[in-house]
Amino acid sequence: MADYKRHGARYRARRRAVDILFEAETRDIDPVAVVEDRIQLAQDPHNAVAPIAEYTREIIAGVAEELDDVDDSVERFLSEDWQLDRLPAVDRQILRVATWEILFNDDVAAPIAISNALAMAEEYAGNAAPPYIHAVLDDIVQSSGEAADLAPGDAVEPEILVDEPLARPLEPGN
């Protein structure tokens, strides 16, 4: 049996948003255009493209619209030795999604945004990224005046901080 974590639909939407933002940046194209392309491709079952969740669309549109403010917020709390464009691309996208949720989506509590970002960082980047992603996001939360209720170094159980129940169990590899 494969070892995998079960996450809710919103976590999967966040993860898909990170993937799309990563692809758009790599290809130097508008992420909203990537979403529109995927929506069209998903309409034909022969393309084997999964439909785009509404929350993924919301995240992509929000990050694209607020990109300057999101990036400024992240850069403000990076250590002096780092710049946003020097971060690994996937880490940058995880930070963008979580920062947008913290600053611009009142429907998502900061601890959930942080917990999901850390789970994605562990999934995509291993052990190196979560500590500094946590520190940056915690600083963003503190500067925005919203209490994160997660102290640096707290053990995070991503499965506990879920903002939407799992509709169906994930199959290994999904």
C-alpha atoms as a PDB file:
ATOM      1  CA  MET A   1       0.000   0.000   0.000  1.00  0.00           C
ATOM      2  CA  ALA A   2       1.365   3.387  -0.943  1.00  0.00           C
ATOM      3  CA  ASP A   3       2.075   5.936   1.748  1.00  0.00           C
ATOM      4  CA  TYR A   4       0.123   9.083   0.939  1.00  0.00           C
ATOM      5  CA  LYS A   5      -1.727  11.763   2.823  1.00  0.00           C
ATOM      6  CA  ARG A   6      -5.395  12.455   2.357  1.00  0.00           C
ATOM      7  CA  HIS A   7      -6.311  16.060   1.840  1.00  0.00           C
ATOM      8  CA  GLY A   8      -9.502  17.930   1.152  1.00  0.00           C
ATOM      9  CA  ALA A   9     -10.648  19.435  -2.103  1.00  0.00           C
ATOM     10  CA  ARG A  10      -9.266  22.865  -1.211  1.00  0.00           C
ATOM     11  CA  TYR A  11      -5.785  21.441  -0.611  1.00  0.00           C
ATOM     12  CA  ARG A  12      -5.931  19.772  -4.019  1.00  0.00           C
ATOM     13  CA  ALA A  13      -7.104  23.076  -5.544  1.00  0.00           C
ATOM     14  CA  ARG A  14      -4.145  24.862  -3.935  1.00  0.00           C
ATOM     15  CA  ARG A  15      -1.742  22.217  -5.185  1.00  0.00           C
ATOM     16  CA  ARG A  16      -3.142  22.510  -8.721  1.00  0.00           C
ATOM     17  CA  ALA A  17      -2.808  26.307  -8.498  1.00  0.00           C
ATOM     18  CA  VAL A  18       0.866  25.919  -7.538  1.00  0.00           C
ATOM     19  CA  ASP A  19       1.350  23.580 -10.518  1.00  0.00           C
ATOM     20  CA  ILE A  20      -0.317  26.023 -12.920  1.00  0.00           C
ATOM     21  CA  LEU A  21       1.585  29.028 -11.567  1.00  0.00           C
ATOM     22  CA  PHE A  22       4.813  27.048 -11.870  1.00  0.00           C
ATOM     23  CA  GLU A  23       4.024  26.083 -15.467  1.00  0.00           C
ATOM     24  CA  ALA A  24       3.011  29.627 -16.414  1.00  0.00           C
ATOM     25  CA  GLU A  25       6.204  31.086 -14.976  1.00  0.00           C
ATOM     26  CA  THR A  26       8.357  28.427 -16.638  1.00  0.00           C
ATOM     27  CA  ARG A  27       6.697  29.031 -20.009  1.00  0.00           C
ATOM     28  CA  ASP A  28       6.526  32.813 -19.430  1.00  0.00           C
ATOM     29  CA  ILE A  29       2.787  32.975 -20.083  1.00  0.00           C
ATOM     30  CA  ASP A  30      -0.234  34.313 -18.232  1.00  0.00           C
ATOM     31  CA  PRO A  31      -1.466  31.787 -15.627  1.00  0.00           C
ATOM     32  CA  VAL A  32      -5.074  32.754 -16.340  1.00  0.00           C
ATOM     33  CA  ALA A  33      -4.478  31.704 -19.967  1.00  0.00           C
ATOM     34  CA  VAL A  34      -3.190  28.328 -18.736  1.00  0.00           C
ATOM     35  CA  VAL A  35      -6.389  27.876 -16.709  1.00  0.00           C
ATOM     36  CA  GLU A  36      -8.551  28.782 -19.706  1.00  0.00           C
ATOM     37  CA  ASP A  37      -6.576  26.324 -21.842  1.00  0.00           C
ATOM     38  CA  ARG A  38      -7.062  23.548 -19.266  1.00  0.00           C
ATOM     39  CA  ILE A  39     -10.799  24.280 -19.066  1.00  0.00           C
ATOM     40  CA  GLN A  40     -11.076  23.840 -22.830  1.00  0.00           C
ATOM     41  CA  LEU A  41      -8.929  20.693 -22.872  1.00  0.00           C
ATOM     42  CA  ALA A  42     -10.885  19.140 -19.987  1.00  0.00           C
ATOM     43  CA  GLN A  43     -14.103  19.328 -21.990  1.00  0.00           C
ATOM     44  CA  ASP A  44     -12.864  16.559 -24.296  1.00  0.00           C
ATOM     45  CA  PRO A  45     -12.422  13.289 -22.371  1.00  0.00           C
ATOM     46  CA  HIS A  46      -9.867  12.098 -24.946  1.00  0.00           C
ATOM     47  CA  ASN A  47      -7.439  14.751 -23.697  1.00  0.00           C
ATOM     48  CA  ALA A  48      -7.232  13.170 -20.227  1.00  0.00           C
ATOM     49  CA  VAL A  49      -7.041  16.631 -18.622  1.00  0.00           C
ATOM     50  CA  ALA A  50      -8.679  16.929 -15.218  1.00  0.00           C
ATOM     51  CA  PRO A  51     -11.269  19.692 -14.835  1.00  0.00           C
ATOM     52  CA  ILE A  52     -10.128  22.826 -13.034  1.00  0.00           C
ATOM     53  CA  ALA A  53     -11.746  23.312  -9.631  1.00  0.00           C
ATOM     54  CA  GLU A  54     -13.493  26.623  -9.069  1.00  0.00           C
ATOM     55  CA  TYR A  55     -11.189  27.362  -6.127  1.00  0.00           C
ATOM     56  CA  THR A  56      -8.120  26.780  -8.326  1.00  0.00           C
ATOM     57  CA  ARG A  57      -9.514  29.337 -10.776  1.00  0.00           C
ATOM     58  CA  GLU A  58     -10.112  31.775  -7.908  1.00  0.00           C
ATOM     59  CA  ILE A  59      -6.558  31.379  -6.608  1.00  0.00           C
ATOM     60  CA  ILE A  60      -4.967  31.819 -10.046  1.00  0.00           C
ATOM     61  CA  ALA A  61      -7.065  34.881 -10.864  1.00  0.00           C
ATOM     62  CA  GLY A  62      -6.377  36.349  -7.416  1.00  0.00           C
ATOM     63  CA  VAL A  63      -2.627  35.775  -7.530  1.00  0.00           C
ATOM     64  CA  ALA A  64      -2.437  37.159 -11.070  1.00  0.00           C
ATOM     65  CA  GLU A  65      -4.439  40.255 -10.105  1.00  0.00           C
ATOM     66  CA  GLU A  66      -2.549  40.909  -6.860  1.00  0.00           C
ATOM     67  CA  LEU A  67       0.879  39.629  -7.962  1.00  0.00           C
ATOM     68  CA  ASP A  68       2.784  42.842  -7.200  1.00  0.00           C
ATOM     69  CA  ASP A  69       1.368  43.094  -3.664  1.00  0.00           C
ATOM     70  CA  VAL A  70       1.839  39.356  -3.065  1.00  0.00           C
ATOM     71  CA  ASP A  71       5.456  39.426  -4.236  1.00  0.00           C
ATOM     72  CA  ASP A  72       6.197  42.620  -2.266  1.00  0.00           C
ATOM     73  CA  SER A  73       4.842  40.958   0.880  1.00  0.00           C
ATOM     74  CA  VAL A  74       6.969  37.855   0.380  1.00  0.00           C
ATOM     75  CA  GLU A  75      10.124  39.835  -0.461  1.00  0.00           C
ATOM     76  CA  ARG A  76       9.661  42.008   2.606  1.00  0.00           C
ATOM     77  CA  PHE A  77      10.157  39.004   4.874  1.00  0.00           C
ATOM     78  CA  LEU A  78      12.850  37.062   3.036  1.00  0.00           C
ATOM     79  CA  SER A  79      16.216  37.122   4.745  1.00  0.00           C
ATOM     80  CA  GLU A  80      18.597  39.803   3.514  1.00  0.00           C
ATOM     81  CA  ASP A  81      20.603  37.182   1.636  1.00  0.00           C
ATOM     82  CA  TRP A  82      17.640  36.155  -0.534  1.00  0.00           C
ATOM     83  CA  GLN A  83      15.541  37.630  -3.285  1.00  0.00           C
ATOM     84  CA  LEU A  84      12.233  36.280  -4.548  1.00  0.00           C
ATOM     85  CA  ASP A  85      13.642  35.470  -7.984  1.00  0.00           C
ATOM     86  CA  ARG A  86      16.439  33.404  -6.395  1.00  0.00           C
ATOM     87  CA  LEU A  87      14.045  31.050  -4.603  1.00  0.00           C
ATOM     88  CA  PRO A  88      13.291  27.694  -6.195  1.00  0.00           C
ATOM     89  CA  ALA A  89      10.327  28.242  -8.524  1.00  0.00           C
ATOM     90  CA  VAL A  90       8.041  25.807  -6.724  1.00  0.00           C
ATOM     91  CA  ASP A  91       8.746  27.456  -3.351  1.00  0.00           C
ATOM     92  CA  ARG A  92       7.943  30.824  -4.893  1.00  0.00           C
ATOM     93  CA  GLN A  93       4.571  29.548  -6.142  1.00  0.00           C
ATOM     94  CA  ILE A  94       3.701  27.973  -2.778  1.00  0.00           C
ATOM     95  CA  LEU A  95       4.489  31.287  -1.089  1.00  0.00           C
ATOM     96  CA  ARG A  96       2.378  33.176  -3.621  1.00  0.00           C
ATOM     97  CA  VAL A  97      -0.681  30.953  -3.137  1.00  0.00           C
ATOM     98  CA  ALA A  98      -0.500  31.069   0.667  1.00  0.00           C
ATOM     99  CA  THR A  99       0.251  34.800   0.746  1.00  0.00           C
ATOM    100  CA  TRP A 100      -2.718  35.544  -1.497  1.00  0.00           C
ATOM    101  CA  GLU A 101      -4.951  33.480   0.786  1.00  0.00           C
ATOM    102  CA  ILE A 102      -3.660  35.215   3.916  1.00  0.00           C
ATOM    103  CA  LEU A 103      -3.930  38.740   2.542  1.00  0.00           C
ATOM    104  CA  PHE A 104      -6.840  38.601   0.111  1.00  0.00           C
ATOM    105  CA  ASN A 105      -9.124  35.653   0.926  1.00  0.00           C
ATOM    106  CA  ASP A 106     -11.139  36.225   4.079  1.00  0.00           C
ATOM    107  CA  ASP A 107     -12.706  32.759   3.739  1.00  0.00           C
ATOM    108  CA  VAL A 108      -9.424  31.025   4.632  1.00  0.00           C
ATOM    109  CA  ALA A 109      -7.928  31.205   8.117  1.00  0.00           C
ATOM    110  CA  ALA A 110      -4.198  31.900   8.215  1.00  0.00           C
ATOM    111  CA  PRO A 111      -3.357  28.630  10.044  1.00  0.00           C
ATOM    112  CA  ILE A 112      -5.009  26.657   7.257  1.00  0.00           C
ATOM    113  CA  ALA A 113      -3.143  28.562   4.544  1.00  0.00           C
ATOM    114  CA  ILE A 114       0.142  28.035   6.392  1.00  0.00           C
ATOM    115  CA  SER A 115      -0.520  24.366   7.141  1.00  0.00           C
ATOM    116  CA  ASN A 116      -1.379  23.614   3.529  1.00  0.00           C
ATOM    117  CA  ALA A 117       1.655  25.550   2.280  1.00  0.00           C
ATOM    118  CA  LEU A 118       3.905  23.530   4.579  1.00  0.00           C
ATOM    119  CA  ALA A 119       2.329  20.261   3.422  1.00  0.00           C
ATOM    120  CA  MET A 120       2.940  21.252  -0.208  1.00  0.00           C
ATOM    121  CA  ALA A 121       6.502  22.320   0.592  1.00  0.00           C
ATOM    122  CA  GLU A 122       7.170  18.919   2.177  1.00  0.00           C
ATOM    123  CA  GLU A 123       5.570  17.171  -0.797  1.00  0.00           C
ATOM    124  CA  TYR A 124       7.440  19.147  -3.475  1.00  0.00           C
ATOM    125  CA  ALA A 125      10.660  20.279  -1.819  1.00  0.00           C
ATOM    126  CA  GLY A 126      11.429  17.903   1.020  1.00  0.00           C
ATOM    127  CA  ASN A 127      12.746  19.198   4.337  1.00  0.00           C
ATOM    128  CA  ALA A 128      14.649  22.286   3.178  1.00  0.00           C
ATOM    129  CA  ALA A 129      11.771  24.617   2.289  1.00  0.00           C
ATOM    130  CA  PRO A 130       9.189  24.305   5.103  1.00  0.00           C
ATOM    131  CA  PRO A 131      11.166  26.187   7.793  1.00  0.00           C
ATOM    132  CA  TYR A 132      11.740  29.331   5.758  1.00  0.00           C
ATOM    133  CA  ILE A 133       8.288  29.175   4.101  1.00  0.00           C
ATOM    134  CA  HIS A 134       6.783  28.966   7.591  1.00  0.00           C
ATOM    135  CA  ALA A 135       8.859  31.907   8.805  1.00  0.00           C
ATOM    136  CA  VAL A 136       7.934  34.120   5.834  1.00  0.00           C
ATOM    137  CA  LEU A 137       4.228  33.282   6.041  1.00  0.00           C
ATOM    138  CA  ASP A 138       4.172  33.783   9.804  1.00  0.00           C
ATOM    139  CA  ASP A 139       5.759  37.216   9.351  1.00  0.00           C
ATOM    140  CA  ILE A 140       3.163  38.089   6.698  1.00  0.00           C
ATOM    141  CA  VAL A 141       0.374  37.039   9.056  1.00  0.00           C
ATOM    142  CA  GLN A 142       1.857  39.034  11.941  1.00  0.00           C
ATOM    143  CA  SER A 143       2.228  42.138   9.762  1.00  0.00           C
ATOM    144  CA  SER A 144      -1.348  41.806   8.504  1.00  0.00           C
ATOM    145  CA  GLY A 145      -2.671  41.733  12.062  1.00  0.00           C
ATOM    146  CA  GLU A 146      -4.294  38.283  11.756  1.00  0.00           C
ATOM    147  CA  ALA A 147      -3.302  35.784  14.432  1.00  0.00           C
ATOM    148  CA  ALA A 148      -1.859  32.662  12.873  1.00  0.00           C
ATOM    149  CA  ASP A 149      -2.109  30.556  16.037  1.00  0.00           C
ATOM    150  CA  LEU A 150       0.956  28.635  14.840  1.00  0.00           C
ATOM    151  CA  ALA A 151       4.257  29.400  16.488  1.00  0.00           C
ATOM    152  CA  PRO A 152       7.500  28.754  14.635  1.00  0.00           C
ATOM    153  CA  GLY A 153       8.637  25.260  15.505  1.00  0.00           C
ATOM    154  CA  ASP A 154       5.119  24.010  16.267  1.00  0.00           C
ATOM    155  CA  ALA A 155       4.514  20.545  14.945  1.00  0.00           C
ATOM    156  CA  VAL A 156       2.048  20.886  12.105  1.00  0.00           C
ATOM    157  CA  GLU A 157      -0.418  18.135  11.361  1.00  0.00           C
ATOM    158  CA  PRO A 158      -1.735  19.153   7.908  1.00  0.00           C
ATOM    159  CA  GLU A 159      -4.548  16.615   8.091  1.00  0.00           C
ATOM    160  CA  ILE A 160      -5.900  18.282  11.241  1.00  0.00           C
ATOM    161  CA  LEU A 161      -6.112  21.752   9.712  1.00  0.00           C
ATOM    162  CA  VAL A 162      -8.482  21.039   6.869  1.00  0.00           C
ATOM    163  CA  ASP A 163     -10.977  23.590   5.653  1.00  0.00           C
ATOM    164  CA  GLU A 164     -13.020  21.290   3.443  1.00  0.00           C
ATOM    165  CA  PRO A 165     -13.735  17.585   3.888  1.00  0.00           C
ATOM    166  CA  LEU A 166     -12.369  15.042   1.478  1.00  0.00           C
ATOM    167  CA  ALA A 167     -15.040  14.167  -1.081  1.00  0.00           C
ATOM    168  CA  ARG A 168     -13.495  10.799  -1.901  1.00  0.00           C
ATOM    169  CA  PRO A 169     -10.272   9.029  -0.957  1.00  0.00           C
ATOM    170  CA  LEU A 170      -7.333   9.802  -3.205  1.00  0.00           C
ATOM    171  CA  GLU A 171      -5.830   6.986  -5.136  1.00  0.00           C
ATOM    172  CA  PRO A 172      -2.059   6.555  -4.901  1.00  0.00           C
ATOM    173  CA  GLY A 173      -0.348   8.924  -7.309  1.00  0.00           C
ATOM    174  CA  ASN A 174      -3.154  11.534  -7.247  1.00  0.00           C
END
